[in-house]
Amino acid sequence: MAKGQKSLKLKLTFPEKVLGDPIIHKLSHDLGVVPNILRGRITDKNAWLDIEIIGNAKSLDKAVKYLAERGVTITKID
């Protein structure tokens, strides 16, 4: 990891209304974090992902705020 970079491991649970939205793309393209998908399950009714996001503290905060605003349930993973 580059100097000043941090990482968060999160379990994301997506509501049906956002399935198909390019949420992970927005994290990397617009919010400046690098997503690393660890595992997950996606169906036509629901989805969850265990993900690690890497970036500076400000970018990580923006990413978590964006996810919450989209209705994604966020749980930190140790």
C-alpha atoms as a PDB file:
ATOM      1  CA  MET A   1       0.000   0.000   0.000  1.00  0.00           C
ATOM      2  CA  ALA A   2       1.267   3.472  -0.829  1.00  0.00           C
ATOM      3  CA  LYS A   3       2.200   5.935   1.898  1.00  0.00           C
ATOM      4  CA  GLY A   4      -0.877   7.596   3.394  1.00  0.00           C
ATOM      5  CA  GLN A   5      -3.158   4.850   2.118  1.00  0.00           C
ATOM      6  CA  LYS A   6      -5.497   2.977   4.425  1.00  0.00           C
ATOM      7  CA  SER A   7      -7.905   0.128   3.896  1.00  0.00           C
ATOM      8  CA  LEU A   8     -11.319  -0.829   5.181  1.00  0.00           C
ATOM      9  CA  LYS A   9     -12.873  -4.281   4.961  1.00  0.00           C
ATOM     10  CA  LEU A  10     -16.634  -4.076   4.708  1.00  0.00           C
ATOM     11  CA  LYS A  11     -19.633  -6.313   4.175  1.00  0.00           C
ATOM     12  CA  LEU A  12     -22.026  -4.508   1.850  1.00  0.00           C
ATOM     13  CA  THR A  13     -25.656  -5.565   1.519  1.00  0.00           C
ATOM     14  CA  PHE A  14     -27.416  -3.965  -1.428  1.00  0.00           C
ATOM     15  CA  PRO A  15     -31.151  -3.235  -1.519  1.00  0.00           C
ATOM     16  CA  GLU A  16     -33.061  -4.478  -4.560  1.00  0.00           C
ATOM     17  CA  LYS A  17     -33.647  -0.917  -5.805  1.00  0.00           C
ATOM     18  CA  VAL A  18     -29.923  -0.379  -6.558  1.00  0.00           C
ATOM     19  CA  LEU A  19     -29.125  -3.757  -8.116  1.00  0.00           C
ATOM     20  CA  GLY A  20     -27.656  -3.077 -11.543  1.00  0.00           C
ATOM     21  CA  ASP A  21     -26.390   0.390 -10.605  1.00  0.00           C
ATOM     22  CA  PRO A  22     -22.632   0.876 -11.195  1.00  0.00           C
ATOM     23  CA  ILE A  23     -21.862   1.459  -7.513  1.00  0.00           C
ATOM     24  CA  ILE A  24     -18.466  -0.291  -7.403  1.00  0.00           C
ATOM     25  CA  HIS A  25     -17.413   1.529 -10.585  1.00  0.00           C
ATOM     26  CA  LYS A  26     -18.275   4.871  -8.983  1.00  0.00           C
ATOM     27  CA  LEU A  27     -16.139   4.010  -5.952  1.00  0.00           C
ATOM     28  CA  SER A  28     -13.061   3.563  -8.119  1.00  0.00           C
ATOM     29  CA  HIS A  29     -13.738   6.073 -10.882  1.00  0.00           C
ATOM     30  CA  ASP A  30     -15.267   9.041  -9.050  1.00  0.00           C
ATOM     31  CA  LEU A  31     -14.372   8.623  -5.375  1.00  0.00           C
ATOM     32  CA  GLY A  32     -10.709   7.624  -5.654  1.00  0.00           C
ATOM     33  CA  VAL A  33     -10.695   4.314  -3.823  1.00  0.00           C
ATOM     34  CA  VAL A  34      -9.493   0.957  -5.078  1.00  0.00           C
ATOM     35  CA  PRO A  35     -12.085  -1.769  -4.500  1.00  0.00           C
ATOM     36  CA  ASN A  36     -10.988  -5.360  -3.987  1.00  0.00           C
ATOM     37  CA  ILE A  37     -13.935  -7.765  -3.984  1.00  0.00           C
ATOM     38  CA  LEU A  38     -13.168 -10.610  -1.583  1.00  0.00           C
ATOM     39  CA  ARG A  39     -16.367 -12.649  -2.018  1.00  0.00           C
ATOM     40  CA  GLY A  40     -20.048 -12.139  -2.570  1.00  0.00           C
ATOM     41  CA  ARG A  41     -23.364 -13.289  -3.931  1.00  0.00           C
ATOM     42  CA  ILE A  42     -25.545 -11.501  -6.445  1.00  0.00           C
ATOM     43  CA  THR A  43     -29.045 -12.568  -7.463  1.00  0.00           C
ATOM     44  CA  ASP A  44     -31.879 -10.714  -9.162  1.00  0.00           C
ATOM     45  CA  LYS A  45     -33.445  -9.977  -5.739  1.00  0.00           C
ATOM     46  CA  ASN A  46     -30.486  -9.102  -3.497  1.00  0.00           C
ATOM     47  CA  ALA A  47     -26.729  -8.934  -3.280  1.00  0.00           C
ATOM     48  CA  TRP A  48     -23.943  -8.832  -0.752  1.00  0.00           C
ATOM     49  CA  LEU A  49     -20.207  -8.328  -1.142  1.00  0.00           C
ATOM     50  CA  ASP A  50     -17.271  -8.574   1.215  1.00  0.00           C
ATOM     51  CA  ILE A  51     -14.985  -5.861  -0.088  1.00  0.00           C
ATOM     52  CA  GLU A  52     -11.767  -4.115   0.839  1.00  0.00           C
ATOM     53  CA  ILE A  53     -11.485  -0.488  -0.196  1.00  0.00           C
ATOM     54  CA  ILE A  54      -8.097   1.209  -0.278  1.00  0.00           C
ATOM     55  CA  GLY A  55      -7.442   4.945  -0.389  1.00  0.00           C
ATOM     56  CA  ASN A  56      -6.624   7.968   1.716  1.00  0.00           C
ATOM     57  CA  ALA A  57      -8.774   8.707   4.757  1.00  0.00           C
ATOM     58  CA  LYS A  58     -10.812  11.420   2.985  1.00  0.00           C
ATOM     59  CA  SER A  59     -11.598   9.155   0.015  1.00  0.00           C
ATOM     60  CA  LEU A  60     -12.595   6.272   2.287  1.00  0.00           C
ATOM     61  CA  ASP A  61     -14.948   8.557   4.224  1.00  0.00           C
ATOM     62  CA  LYS A  62     -16.532   9.790   0.978  1.00  0.00           C
ATOM     63  CA  ALA A  63     -16.943   6.218  -0.256  1.00  0.00           C
ATOM     64  CA  VAL A  64     -18.668   5.059   2.946  1.00  0.00           C
ATOM     65  CA  LYS A  65     -20.956   8.108   2.873  1.00  0.00           C
ATOM     66  CA  TYR A  66     -21.846   7.448  -0.783  1.00  0.00           C
ATOM     67  CA  LEU A  67     -22.671   3.792  -0.059  1.00  0.00           C
ATOM     68  CA  ALA A  68     -24.903   4.761   2.882  1.00  0.00           C
ATOM     69  CA  GLU A  69     -26.694   7.393   0.764  1.00  0.00           C
ATOM     70  CA  ARG A  70     -27.472   4.708  -1.844  1.00  0.00           C
ATOM     71  CA  GLY A  71     -29.125   2.566   0.868  1.00  0.00           C
ATOM     72  CA  VAL A  72     -26.329   0.001   1.117  1.00  0.00           C
ATOM     73  CA  THR A  73     -26.049  -1.606   4.559  1.00  0.00           C
ATOM     74  CA  ILE A  74     -22.417  -1.435   5.712  1.00  0.00           C
ATOM     75  CA  THR A  75     -20.809  -3.660   8.329  1.00  0.00           C
ATOM     76  CA  LYS A  76     -17.110  -3.456   9.141  1.00  0.00           C
ATOM     77  CA  ILE A  77     -15.187  -6.717   8.917  1.00  0.00           C
ATOM     78  CA  ASP A  78     -12.164  -7.334  11.162  1.00  0.00           C
END
